[in-house]
């Protein structure tokens, strides 16, 4: 295949695609050909096999150095594979996560740190599935969904994922705007911060024109800023280290009630993001891996997993900084306590906290103000810098997610700038309206709603990734074994159940009959679609008796090239 100036690949027919991925590398899933009628199979390959494949940002790929000794581990190779995992880990450090961290610290102290640890480990295991899908097939999750699902469920799935991206992006852009407002001492309004964030995001997104490694280095720089700024707050507040360790490794929450339980659920929902599965499966395509060589595929899976472990460990430490700071300084504090300190420190924001005995409620804006009241203006500004780095980096990766999802599900063939402009506009337009009509001091309610919105979308990422990584015709020898099928299914069931509890608790607190009726109607439609995806997933996991009379099982709906062979 030849590559044009735009990075797209040409082809003359579907035969040329068998055994090649969209970047022209052998051994992928690019040339799926159905051997049966699509009307008889639960999953199907693409309807139009003559469409020109699209491109992503990663037109060039990072070469992997050869290891003549074939040692079991090489730091040179780990360095070559390092990058995608750190971009993926940005989703674990977005403003929504930071807000969930500080609220859990203020409400439950150190008691929920073990929930954060557990959620991060579960997130790592699920990200492993997404990365393996991209490495083995050469296609990311949205592309595989485009080739496998029927048109109607595919469109519904795309819309649900887009909703998750919009919700996440609103949190990220608003977080950046809040940081800009704090840094400007309130002179730049929320809507002004949103416009600045939109503009600089467009600038930063084109850094990859100077090379993928420079783009990854820029993200590494932003993560370093977050580590230094939140680490500064940690050193300044000096949390009790014994309580930190107890909270991490003793899975118990003494004297916890409904508020603490809801915070625990919120932590899980904030850490595991639906669109991040699509993002990670795409980012791993940026490395040169010969998918016809089983040893290279296995090696890529190993190093990507190691890199993901390191990246998520770094993000976990940063999250611990935030939880511990607010647990030590503001657990069991009342509004009156904070109001008095802010008045004594001559803070211009003391009016944010009414002089009453209600428990302190904070978000990323009020959190920065409180830090400034207790530990001086430096703590406020350094906090704002960390939030700005978190918001800016996660906004950029959110745009990448939107790019991959839209390209994959819709098979777009637009120019790169047009695709970026469209995906950015879809996510940013509602954010701008919120910023214009909403006050910066009263955004907590919107954040709760966005968390609920993203919680509802989790099944539309987790179920497909487990489905496809369990299909031998898709993954060949790298398909999930019995352990991963059972463990993956149980983890997804656990995560979705926790998030459903969060959604039900949110709707229950609305106390509106009309909203209850609307939620009930939408629940029927929502649960029906989740049940459909679950049905296909169970068939892929081996429950062929659920095929309901189909003559061919799900695992035979594709005709692929033979599995890669290990060279002798």
Protein backbone atom coordinates (compact mmCIF):
# COMPACT_ATOMS: atom_id res chain seq x y z
CA UNK A 1 0.00 0.00 0.00
CA UNK A 2 1.15 3.54 -0.68
CA UNK A 3 0.85 6.48 1.70
CA UNK A 4 -0.25 9.87 0.33
CA UNK A 5 0.85 13.27 1.51
CA UNK A 6 -2.03 13.44 3.95
CA UNK A 7 -1.01 10.18 5.55
CA UNK A 8 -3.99 8.25 4.18
CA UNK A 9 -3.54 4.91 2.53
CA UNK A 10 -5.02 3.96 -0.78
CA UNK A 11 -6.42 0.62 -1.79
CA UNK A 12 -8.07 -0.94 -4.77
CA UNK A 13 -10.44 -3.34 -3.09
CA UNK A 14 -11.25 -5.27 0.00
CA UNK A 15 -8.79 -8.01 -0.94
CA UNK A 16 -5.90 -5.61 -0.43
CA UNK A 17 -6.95 -5.03 3.14
CA UNK A 18 -6.98 -8.63 4.33
CA UNK A 19 -4.20 -9.10 6.84
CA UNK A 20 -3.34 -5.38 7.06
CA UNK A 21 -4.34 -2.70 9.50
CA UNK A 22 -5.25 0.84 8.54
CA UNK A 23 -1.63 1.94 8.70
CA UNK A 24 -0.52 -0.70 6.23
CA UNK A 25 1.06 -3.05 8.73
CA UNK A 26 0.45 -6.78 8.38
CA UNK A 27 -1.34 -8.91 10.85
CA UNK A 28 -4.13 -6.51 11.85
CA UNK A 29 -7.89 -6.63 11.67
CA UNK A 30 -8.17 -4.26 8.75
CA UNK A 31 -9.48 -6.70 6.17
CA UNK A 32 -12.43 -8.30 7.86
CA UNK A 33 -14.68 -10.12 5.41
CA UNK A 34 -18.00 -11.60 6.42
CA UNK A 35 -18.60 -15.23 5.53
CA UNK A 36 -22.28 -15.13 6.45
CA UNK A 37 -25.28 -12.89 6.01
CA UNK A 38 -25.06 -9.91 8.34
CA UNK A 39 -28.72 -10.31 9.12
CA UNK A 40 -28.05 -13.67 10.76
CA UNK A 41 -25.17 -12.62 13.01
CA UNK A 42 -25.18 -10.52 16.16
CA UNK A 43 -21.97 -8.78 15.07
CA UNK A 44 -20.93 -7.78 11.61
CA UNK A 45 -18.01 -6.33 9.67
CA UNK A 46 -18.37 -2.95 7.94
CA UNK A 47 -21.17 -2.63 5.43
CA UNK A 48 -19.19 -0.65 2.89
CA UNK A 49 -15.84 -2.26 2.25
CA UNK A 50 -14.91 0.25 -0.43
CA UNK A 51 -14.55 3.26 1.86
CA UNK A 52 -11.13 4.80 2.07
CA UNK A 53 -9.57 4.26 5.51
CA UNK A 54 -9.09 7.40 7.56
CA UNK A 55 -6.02 8.60 9.40
CA UNK A 56 -5.42 9.64 12.96
CA UNK A 57 -2.91 12.04 14.45
CA UNK A 58 -0.27 9.33 14.47
CA UNK A 59 0.76 9.18 10.84
CA UNK A 60 4.33 8.42 11.85
CA UNK A 61 5.23 5.65 14.27
CA UNK A 62 7.96 5.31 16.88
CA UNK A 63 10.44 2.54 15.95
CA UNK A 64 11.29 -0.07 18.57
CA UNK A 65 15.03 -0.85 18.95
CA UNK A 66 16.11 -4.39 18.21
CA UNK A 67 17.39 -6.47 21.09
CA UNK A 68 19.93 -8.96 19.81
CA UNK A 69 20.27 -10.68 23.18
CA UNK A 70 16.49 -11.27 23.49
CA UNK A 71 16.64 -10.54 27.21
CA UNK A 72 13.42 -10.65 29.22
CA UNK A 73 13.62 -6.91 29.93
CA UNK A 74 15.23 -3.91 28.24
CA UNK A 75 15.16 -0.33 29.49
CA UNK A 76 15.75 0.88 25.91
CA UNK A 77 12.61 -0.88 24.76
CA UNK A 78 10.63 0.32 27.77
CA UNK A 79 11.65 3.88 26.91
CA UNK A 80 10.56 3.37 23.30
CA UNK A 81 7.14 2.15 24.45
CA UNK A 82 6.81 4.92 27.06
CA UNK A 83 4.27 7.59 26.18
CA UNK A 84 0.77 6.20 25.53
CA UNK A 85 0.32 5.12 29.15
CA UNK A 86 1.16 8.58 30.47
CA UNK A 87 -1.25 10.23 28.03
CA UNK A 88 -3.87 7.73 29.17
CA UNK A 89 -3.12 8.47 32.84
CA UNK A 90 -4.09 12.11 32.33
CA UNK A 91 -7.73 10.99 32.64
CA UNK A 92 -6.92 9.92 36.21
CA UNK A 93 -5.76 13.48 36.97
CA UNK A 94 -8.44 15.62 35.38
CA UNK A 95 -10.25 18.34 37.41
CA UNK A 96 -13.18 15.98 38.04
CA UNK A 97 -10.81 13.52 39.75
CA UNK A 98 -9.12 16.29 41.72
CA UNK A 99 -12.50 17.54 42.93
CA UNK A 100 -13.56 14.03 43.91
CA UNK A 101 -10.27 13.64 45.82
CA UNK A 102 -10.58 16.83 47.82
CA UNK A 103 -14.24 16.19 48.63
CA UNK A 104 -13.51 12.66 49.87
CA UNK A 105 -10.73 14.04 52.08
CA UNK A 106 -12.94 16.80 53.49
CA UNK A 107 -15.92 14.47 54.07
CA UNK A 108 -14.26 11.18 55.12
CA UNK A 109 -10.71 12.10 56.07
CA UNK A 110 -8.19 9.37 55.25
CA UNK A 111 -10.77 6.57 55.46
CA UNK A 112 -11.39 6.24 51.69
CA UNK A 113 -7.81 6.10 50.45
CA UNK A 114 -8.12 2.32 50.05
CA UNK A 115 -11.08 2.92 47.69
CA UNK A 116 -8.84 5.15 45.57
CA UNK A 117 -6.17 2.42 45.53
CA UNK A 118 -8.69 -0.26 44.56
CA UNK A 119 -10.23 1.91 41.84
CA UNK A 120 -6.79 2.62 40.36
CA UNK A 121 -5.89 -1.11 40.29
CA UNK A 122 -9.22 -1.97 38.63
CA UNK A 123 -8.65 0.85 36.15
CA UNK A 124 -5.20 -0.56 35.33
CA UNK A 125 -6.62 -4.03 34.62
CA UNK A 126 -9.32 -2.62 32.33
CA UNK A 127 -6.82 -0.36 30.54
CA UNK A 128 -4.73 -3.47 29.90
CA UNK A 129 -7.59 -4.93 27.86
CA UNK A 130 -7.93 -1.75 25.80
CA UNK A 131 -4.19 -1.60 25.10
CA UNK A 132 -4.04 -5.27 24.09
CA UNK A 133 -6.89 -4.76 21.63
CA UNK A 134 -5.00 -1.97 19.89
CA UNK A 135 -1.67 -3.81 19.89
CA UNK A 136 -2.96 -7.15 18.60
CA UNK A 137 -5.44 -5.92 15.98
CA UNK A 138 -3.85 -2.67 14.85
CA UNK A 139 -7.28 -1.04 15.27
CA UNK A 140 -8.60 0.94 18.18
CA UNK A 141 -11.85 0.21 19.98
CA UNK A 142 -14.04 2.59 17.95
CA UNK A 143 -12.74 1.11 14.69
CA UNK A 144 -13.47 -2.42 15.85
CA UNK A 145 -16.98 -1.36 16.93
CA UNK A 146 -17.51 0.12 13.45
CA UNK A 147 -16.55 -3.18 11.85
CA UNK A 148 -18.46 -5.43 14.22
CA UNK A 149 -21.77 -3.94 15.33
CA UNK A 150 -24.84 -3.42 13.17
CA UNK A 151 -25.44 0.16 12.00
CA UNK A 152 -28.21 1.13 14.45
CA UNK A 153 -26.52 -0.03 17.69
CA UNK A 154 -23.26 1.36 16.37
CA UNK A 155 -24.76 4.84 16.02
CA UNK A 156 -26.36 4.62 19.48
CA UNK A 157 -23.02 3.51 20.92
CA UNK A 158 -21.25 6.44 19.27
CA UNK A 159 -23.79 8.92 20.66
CA UNK A 160 -23.38 7.54 24.17
CA UNK A 161 -19.60 7.78 24.03
CA UNK A 162 -19.85 11.32 22.65
CA UNK A 163 -22.02 12.25 25.66
CA UNK A 164 -19.32 10.91 27.97
CA UNK A 165 -16.65 12.94 26.16
CA UNK A 166 -18.78 16.09 26.30
CA UNK A 167 -19.38 15.63 30.03
CA UNK A 168 -15.72 15.02 30.73
CA UNK A 169 -14.63 17.90 28.52
CA UNK A 170 -16.99 20.29 30.27
CA UNK A 171 -15.38 19.41 33.61
CA UNK A 172 -11.90 19.83 32.16
CA UNK A 173 -12.50 23.16 30.41
CA UNK A 174 -14.38 24.56 33.42
CA UNK A 175 -11.51 23.39 35.64
CA UNK A 176 -9.01 25.29 33.50
CA UNK A 177 -11.25 28.36 33.51
CA UNK A 178 -11.54 28.24 37.32
CA UNK A 179 -7.75 28.03 37.59
CA UNK A 180 -7.37 31.06 35.32
CA UNK A 181 -9.95 32.93 37.41
CA UNK A 182 -8.01 32.18 40.60
CA UNK A 183 -4.67 33.15 39.06
CA UNK A 184 -6.10 36.46 37.81
CA UNK A 185 -7.63 37.24 41.24
CA UNK A 186 -11.10 37.09 39.69
CA UNK A 187 -10.37 39.60 36.91
CA UNK A 188 -10.86 37.03 34.14
CA UNK A 189 -14.45 35.70 34.31
CA UNK A 190 -15.35 32.07 33.82
CA UNK A 191 -16.36 32.52 30.18
CA UNK A 192 -13.07 34.33 29.49
CA UNK A 193 -11.14 31.40 30.94
CA UNK A 194 -13.12 29.02 28.71
CA UNK A 195 -12.22 31.03 25.60
CA UNK A 196 -8.54 31.09 26.61
CA UNK A 197 -8.62 27.33 27.20
CA UNK A 198 -10.20 26.71 23.80
CA UNK A 199 -7.58 28.84 22.06
CA UNK A 200 -4.50 27.41 23.74
CA UNK A 201 -5.83 23.86 23.34
CA UNK A 202 -5.90 24.35 19.57
CA UNK A 203 -2.31 25.59 19.71
CA UNK A 204 -1.06 22.72 21.87
CA UNK A 205 -2.86 20.09 19.81
CA UNK A 206 -0.69 20.87 16.82
CA UNK A 207 2.50 20.15 18.73
CA UNK A 208 2.48 16.68 17.22
CA UNK A 209 3.45 18.31 13.91
CA UNK A 210 6.90 18.60 15.48
CA UNK A 211 7.01 14.92 16.33
CA UNK A 212 5.11 12.52 18.51
CA UNK A 213 7.92 12.35 21.06
CA UNK A 214 7.77 16.11 21.61
CA UNK A 215 4.01 15.89 22.18
CA UNK A 216 4.49 13.12 24.73
CA UNK A 217 7.25 15.13 26.41
CA UNK A 218 4.85 18.08 26.73
CA UNK A 219 2.30 15.88 28.48
CA UNK A 220 5.08 14.60 30.74
CA UNK A 221 5.91 18.22 31.57
CA UNK A 222 2.29 18.92 32.56
CA UNK A 223 2.20 15.81 34.77
CA UNK A 224 5.43 17.00 36.41
CA UNK A 225 3.81 20.37 37.14
CA UNK A 226 0.89 18.59 38.82
CA UNK A 227 3.25 16.44 40.90
CA UNK A 228 5.25 19.48 42.04
CA UNK A 229 2.29 21.74 42.80
CA UNK A 230 0.15 19.20 44.65
CA UNK A 231 3.30 17.82 46.26
CA UNK A 232 4.01 21.34 47.55
CA UNK A 233 0.55 21.43 49.15
CA UNK A 234 1.24 18.02 50.72
CA UNK A 235 4.54 19.18 52.23
CA UNK A 236 2.98 22.45 53.42
CA UNK A 237 0.03 20.77 55.18
CA UNK A 238 2.13 17.86 56.55
CA UNK A 239 -0.54 15.11 56.76
CA UNK A 240 -0.22 12.41 59.41
CA UNK A 241 1.74 9.66 57.61
CA UNK A 242 0.42 6.92 59.88
CA UNK A 243 -3.16 7.84 59.03
CA UNK A 244 -2.26 7.91 55.32
CA UNK A 245 -0.91 4.35 55.47
CA UNK A 246 -3.88 3.13 57.51
CA UNK A 247 -6.30 4.67 55.05
CA UNK A 248 -4.48 3.01 52.15
CA UNK A 249 -4.18 -0.54 53.43
CA UNK A 250 -7.05 -1.02 55.90
CA UNK A 251 -10.28 -1.44 53.88
CA UNK A 252 -12.61 -0.15 56.54
CA UNK A 253 -14.53 3.06 57.10
CA UNK A 254 -15.34 3.54 60.78
CA UNK A 255 -18.45 5.62 61.60
CA UNK A 256 -19.17 6.18 57.91
CA UNK A 257 -22.67 7.02 56.72
CA UNK A 258 -24.41 7.95 53.50
CA UNK A 259 -22.18 10.98 52.69
CA UNK A 260 -19.03 8.87 52.96
CA UNK A 261 -20.58 6.05 50.91
CA UNK A 262 -21.51 8.48 48.16
CA UNK A 263 -17.97 9.85 48.18
CA UNK A 264 -16.59 6.32 47.81
CA UNK A 265 -18.88 5.71 44.84
CA UNK A 266 -17.85 9.07 43.41
CA UNK A 267 -14.17 8.12 43.60
CA UNK A 268 -14.73 4.98 41.52
CA UNK A 269 -16.83 6.87 38.98
CA UNK A 270 -14.27 9.64 38.65
CA UNK A 271 -11.27 7.33 38.22
CA UNK A 272 -12.62 4.94 35.57
CA UNK A 273 -13.56 7.04 32.54
CA UNK A 274 -15.43 5.49 29.57
CA UNK A 275 -13.74 7.44 26.78
CA UNK A 276 -10.31 6.60 28.19
CA UNK A 277 -10.71 3.00 27.00
CA UNK A 278 -11.11 4.26 23.43
CA UNK A 279 -8.18 6.62 23.83
CA UNK A 280 -5.72 4.04 25.18
CA UNK A 281 -6.54 1.48 22.47
CA UNK A 282 -5.67 4.16 19.88
CA UNK A 283 -2.53 5.55 21.49
CA UNK A 284 -0.72 2.18 21.43
CA UNK A 285 -0.91 2.22 17.63
CA UNK A 286 1.82 4.87 17.65
CA UNK A 287 4.57 2.23 17.99
CA UNK A 288 5.95 0.08 15.18
CA UNK A 289 4.91 -3.46 15.96
CA UNK A 290 5.00 -6.27 13.37
CA UNK A 291 1.67 -7.96 14.06
CA UNK A 292 2.64 -10.96 11.97
CA UNK A 293 5.31 -11.68 14.57
CA UNK A 294 3.82 -13.20 17.71
CA UNK A 295 6.93 -12.48 19.77
CA UNK A 296 6.81 -8.76 18.97
CA UNK A 297 3.12 -8.55 19.81
CA UNK A 298 3.68 -10.30 23.13
CA UNK A 299 6.61 -8.02 23.85
CA UNK A 300 4.56 -4.90 23.05
CA UNK A 301 1.79 -6.05 25.38
CA UNK A 302 4.33 -6.57 28.16
CA UNK A 303 6.03 -3.19 27.87
CA UNK A 304 2.77 -1.27 27.46
CA UNK A 305 1.49 -2.92 30.64
CA UNK A 306 4.66 -2.03 32.55
CA UNK A 307 4.45 1.54 31.30
CA UNK A 308 0.78 1.75 32.31
CA UNK A 309 1.69 0.52 35.80
CA UNK A 310 4.31 3.26 36.16
CA UNK A 311 2.03 5.98 34.76
CA UNK A 312 -0.93 5.06 36.96
CA UNK A 313 1.35 4.81 40.00
CA UNK A 314 2.43 8.41 39.38
CA UNK A 315 -1.19 9.54 38.98
CA UNK A 316 -2.13 7.60 42.13
CA UNK A 317 0.55 9.40 44.17
CA UNK A 318 -0.73 12.77 42.93
CA UNK A 319 -4.28 11.82 43.88
CA UNK A 320 -3.04 10.79 47.35
CA UNK A 321 -1.48 14.24 47.74
CA UNK A 322 -4.86 15.92 47.18
CA UNK A 323 -6.89 13.56 49.39
CA UNK A 324 -4.38 13.74 52.24
CA UNK A 325 -4.13 17.55 52.15
CA UNK A 326 -7.87 18.05 52.56
CA UNK A 327 -8.21 15.15 54.98
CA UNK A 328 -5.59 16.62 57.30
CA UNK A 329 -6.58 20.27 57.09
CA UNK A 330 -10.34 20.34 56.52
CA UNK A 331 -11.91 17.10 57.75
CA UNK A 332 -14.80 17.88 60.16
CA UNK A 333 -14.40 21.62 59.58
CA UNK A 334 -17.52 23.80 59.53
CA UNK A 335 -18.29 26.85 57.43
CA UNK A 336 -17.90 29.00 60.54
CA UNK A 337 -14.37 27.65 61.14
CA UNK A 338 -13.29 28.52 57.62
CA UNK A 339 -15.12 31.85 57.60
CA UNK A 340 -13.28 32.99 60.73
CA UNK A 341 -9.87 32.02 59.34
CA UNK A 342 -10.59 33.71 55.99
CA UNK A 343 -11.74 36.90 57.71
CA UNK A 344 -8.64 36.95 59.90
CA UNK A 345 -6.42 36.50 56.84
CA UNK A 346 -8.24 39.34 55.02
CA UNK A 347 -9.22 37.01 52.19
CA UNK A 348 -11.53 38.64 49.61
CA UNK A 349 -13.35 35.29 49.34
CA UNK A 350 -14.51 34.97 52.96
CA UNK A 351 -18.14 35.54 51.89
CA UNK A 352 -18.07 32.14 50.14
CA UNK A 353 -18.43 30.45 53.51
CA UNK A 354 -21.51 31.40 55.58
CA UNK A 355 -21.00 31.80 59.30
CA UNK A 356 -22.91 28.66 60.34
CA UNK A 357 -22.16 25.22 61.78
CA UNK A 358 -22.84 23.23 58.62
CA UNK A 359 -20.08 20.90 57.45
CA UNK A 360 -17.67 22.50 55.00
CA UNK A 361 -18.40 21.69 51.34
CA UNK A 362 -15.63 22.37 48.84
CA UNK A 363 -14.96 22.10 45.12
CA UNK A 364 -11.82 22.94 43.17
CA UNK A 365 -12.60 26.68 43.36
CA UNK A 366 -13.47 26.81 47.07
CA UNK A 367 -10.67 24.34 47.76
CA UNK A 368 -8.10 26.79 46.42
CA UNK A 369 -9.65 29.61 48.43
CA UNK A 370 -9.56 27.57 51.65
CA UNK A 371 -5.92 26.66 51.09
CA UNK A 372 -5.14 30.34 50.60
CA UNK A 373 -6.93 31.27 53.84
CA UNK A 374 -5.11 28.65 55.93
CA UNK A 375 -1.66 28.49 54.32
CA UNK A 376 -1.21 31.81 52.55
CA UNK A 377 -1.62 33.19 49.01
CA UNK A 378 1.22 31.00 47.70
CA UNK A 379 -0.79 27.87 48.47
CA UNK A 380 -3.76 29.28 46.50
CA UNK A 381 -1.75 30.21 43.42
CA UNK A 382 0.25 26.98 43.38
CA UNK A 383 -3.03 25.06 43.69
CA UNK A 384 -4.41 27.03 40.72
CA UNK A 385 -1.32 26.23 38.64
CA UNK A 386 -1.79 22.52 39.36
CA UNK A 387 -5.48 22.68 38.42
CA UNK A 388 -4.59 24.55 35.22
CA UNK A 389 -2.08 21.83 34.27
CA UNK A 390 -4.66 19.14 35.03
CA UNK A 391 -7.38 20.89 33.07
CA UNK A 392 -5.21 21.74 30.09
CA UNK A 393 -3.69 18.27 29.71
CA UNK A 394 -7.00 16.45 30.15
CA UNK A 395 -8.71 18.81 27.71
CA UNK A 396 -6.15 17.91 25.07
CA UNK A 397 -6.48 14.17 25.64
CA UNK A 398 -10.26 14.58 25.67
CA UNK A 399 -10.01 16.13 22.22
CA UNK A 400 -7.89 13.22 21.05
CA UNK A 401 -10.55 10.85 22.41
CA UNK A 402 -13.25 12.70 20.51
CA UNK A 403 -11.13 12.57 17.38
CA UNK A 404 -10.58 8.82 17.57
CA UNK A 405 -14.17 8.03 18.52
CA UNK A 406 -15.69 10.11 15.74
CA UNK A 407 -13.25 8.82 13.13
CA UNK A 408 -13.68 5.23 14.23
CA UNK A 409 -17.46 5.06 14.51
CA UNK A 410 -18.26 7.25 11.48
CA UNK A 411 -15.23 6.49 9.30
CA UNK A 412 -14.76 10.20 8.59
CA UNK A 413 -12.52 11.26 5.71
CA UNK A 414 -12.30 14.98 6.40
CA UNK A 415 -9.20 17.10 6.62
CA UNK A 416 -7.43 17.00 9.94
CA UNK A 417 -8.29 20.61 10.82
CA UNK A 418 -11.98 20.09 10.02
CA UNK A 419 -12.11 16.97 12.21
CA UNK A 420 -10.42 18.76 15.13
CA UNK A 421 -12.72 21.77 14.74
CA UNK A 422 -15.85 19.62 14.72
CA UNK A 423 -14.92 17.38 17.64
CA UNK A 424 -13.77 20.41 19.66
CA UNK A 425 -16.92 22.38 18.92
CA UNK A 426 -19.23 19.54 19.96
CA UNK A 427 -17.64 19.38 23.39
CA UNK A 428 -16.88 23.04 24.01
CA UNK A 429 -20.11 24.76 22.87
CA UNK A 430 -22.25 23.63 25.85
CA UNK A 431 -19.35 24.46 28.17
CA UNK A 432 -19.26 28.04 26.91
CA UNK A 433 -22.99 28.46 27.54
CA UNK A 434 -22.57 27.16 31.09
CA UNK A 435 -19.67 29.54 31.69
CA UNK A 436 -21.68 32.54 30.46
CA UNK A 437 -24.80 31.85 32.53
CA UNK A 438 -23.28 30.23 35.63
CA UNK A 439 -21.36 31.83 38.50
CA UNK A 440 -17.91 30.44 39.28
CA UNK A 441 -18.86 29.99 42.94
CA UNK A 442 -21.82 27.71 42.20
CA UNK A 443 -20.65 24.92 39.92
CA UNK A 444 -20.75 21.96 42.31
CA UNK A 445 -24.27 20.94 41.23
CA UNK A 446 -23.23 20.86 37.59
CA UNK A 447 -20.20 18.73 38.45
CA UNK A 448 -22.44 16.17 40.19
CA UNK A 449 -24.67 16.02 37.11
CA UNK A 450 -21.68 15.51 34.80
CA UNK A 451 -20.37 12.70 37.02
CA UNK A 452 -23.76 11.00 36.74
CA UNK A 453 -23.73 11.47 32.96
CA UNK A 454 -20.32 9.80 32.63
CA UNK A 455 -21.25 7.02 35.03
CA UNK A 456 -24.14 6.11 32.76
CA UNK A 457 -21.79 5.75 29.79
CA UNK A 458 -19.35 3.29 31.39
CA UNK A 459 -21.04 0.11 30.05
CA UNK A 460 -20.62 1.43 26.49
CA UNK A 461 -16.85 1.24 26.81
CA UNK A 462 -16.28 -1.64 29.21
CA UNK A 463 -18.66 -4.18 27.64
CA UNK A 464 -17.33 -3.78 24.05
CA UNK A 465 -13.69 -4.00 25.12
CA UNK A 466 -14.32 -7.24 27.03
CA UNK A 467 -16.36 -8.59 24.11
CA UNK A 468 -13.70 -8.07 21.47
CA UNK A 469 -10.69 -9.05 23.56
CA UNK A 470 -12.45 -12.36 24.25
CA UNK A 471 -13.02 -13.23 20.57
CA UNK A 472 -10.36 -15.63 19.19
CA UNK A 473 -11.12 -14.47 15.63
CA UNK A 474 -10.17 -10.93 16.66
CA UNK A 475 -7.34 -11.56 19.11
CA UNK A 476 -6.05 -14.96 17.87
CA UNK A 477 -3.74 -16.47 20.50
CA UNK A 478 -4.03 -13.29 22.60
CA UNK A 479 -7.75 -13.67 23.31
CA UNK A 480 -8.75 -13.55 26.97
CA UNK A 481 -8.39 -16.82 28.83
CA UNK A 482 -10.93 -18.13 31.31
CA UNK A 483 -9.44 -16.10 34.18
CA UNK A 484 -9.62 -12.79 32.33
CA UNK A 485 -13.10 -13.54 31.02
CA UNK A 486 -14.43 -14.21 34.52
CA UNK A 487 -12.39 -11.50 36.24
CA UNK A 488 -13.16 -8.94 33.53
CA UNK A 489 -16.86 -9.74 33.66
CA UNK A 490 -16.97 -9.45 37.45
CA UNK A 491 -15.02 -6.19 37.46
CA UNK A 492 -17.29 -4.65 34.86
CA UNK A 493 -20.37 -5.83 36.78
CA UNK A 494 -18.93 -4.32 39.99
CA UNK A 495 -18.05 -0.99 38.39
CA UNK A 496 -21.39 -0.63 36.59
CA UNK A 497 -23.32 -1.57 39.75
CA UNK A 498 -21.43 1.00 41.82
CA UNK A 499 -22.10 3.69 39.26
CA UNK A 500 -25.77 2.75 38.99
CA UNK A 501 -26.05 3.25 42.75
CA UNK A 502 -24.52 6.69 42.29
CA UNK A 503 -27.04 7.54 39.55
CA UNK A 504 -30.04 6.29 41.58
CA UNK A 505 -28.90 8.26 44.64
CA UNK A 506 -28.56 11.40 42.53
CA UNK A 507 -32.03 11.05 40.96
CA UNK A 508 -33.60 10.24 44.35
CA UNK A 509 -32.26 13.47 45.82
CA UNK A 510 -33.95 15.56 43.12
CA UNK A 511 -37.38 15.16 44.82
CA UNK A 512 -39.34 15.82 41.63
CA UNK A 513 -42.10 13.50 40.39
CA UNK A 514 -41.76 14.60 36.78
CA UNK A 515 -38.05 13.86 36.83
CA UNK A 516 -38.74 10.48 38.42
CA UNK A 517 -41.11 9.56 35.57
CA UNK A 518 -38.68 10.79 32.91
CA UNK A 519 -35.83 8.88 34.54
CA UNK A 520 -37.97 5.72 34.63
CA UNK A 521 -38.75 5.93 30.90
CA UNK A 522 -35.13 6.61 29.97
CA UNK A 523 -34.02 3.77 32.24
CA UNK A 524 -36.05 1.25 30.24
CA UNK A 525 -34.42 2.33 26.97
CA UNK A 526 -30.98 2.55 28.55
CA UNK A 527 -31.13 -0.85 30.24
CA UNK A 528 -32.45 -2.46 27.05
CA UNK A 529 -29.42 -1.31 25.09
CA UNK A 530 -27.04 -2.36 27.89
CA UNK A 531 -28.76 -5.77 27.90
CA UNK A 532 -28.21 -6.06 24.13
CA UNK A 533 -24.48 -5.36 24.48
CA UNK A 534 -24.30 -7.74 27.44
CA UNK A 535 -25.99 -10.47 25.41
CA UNK A 536 -23.35 -10.17 22.68
CA UNK A 537 -20.61 -10.08 25.30
CA UNK A 538 -21.84 -13.26 26.98
CA UNK A 539 -21.90 -15.06 23.64
CA UNK A 540 -18.33 -13.90 23.01
CA UNK A 541 -17.36 -15.17 26.46
CA UNK A 542 -18.57 -18.65 25.49
CA UNK A 543 -22.30 -18.75 26.27
CA UNK A 544 -23.19 -19.83 22.73
CA UNK A 545 -26.62 -21.11 23.82
CA UNK A 546 -27.68 -17.44 24.05
CA UNK A 547 -27.31 -17.01 20.27
CA UNK A 548 -31.09 -17.57 20.02
CA UNK A 549 -31.16 -19.69 16.90
CA UNK A 550 -28.39 -18.00 14.91
CA UNK A 551 -26.71 -20.53 12.67
CA UNK A 552 -23.26 -19.10 13.30
CA UNK A 553 -21.78 -18.09 16.63
CA UNK A 554 -20.32 -14.66 17.24
CA UNK A 555 -16.80 -15.99 17.15
CA UNK A 556 -17.27 -17.05 13.52
CA UNK A 557 -18.68 -13.87 12.08
CA UNK A 558 -15.28 -12.80 10.81
CA UNK A 559 -12.89 -14.28 8.33
CA UNK A 560 -9.39 -13.21 9.23
CA UNK A 561 -5.85 -14.03 8.27
CA UNK A 562 -4.21 -16.95 10.10
CA UNK A 563 -2.79 -16.12 13.52
CA UNK A 564 0.77 -14.76 13.56
CA UNK A 565 3.49 -17.36 13.73
CA UNK A 566 6.62 -17.17 15.79
CA UNK A 567 9.67 -17.15 13.50
CA UNK A 568 12.00 -20.07 13.94
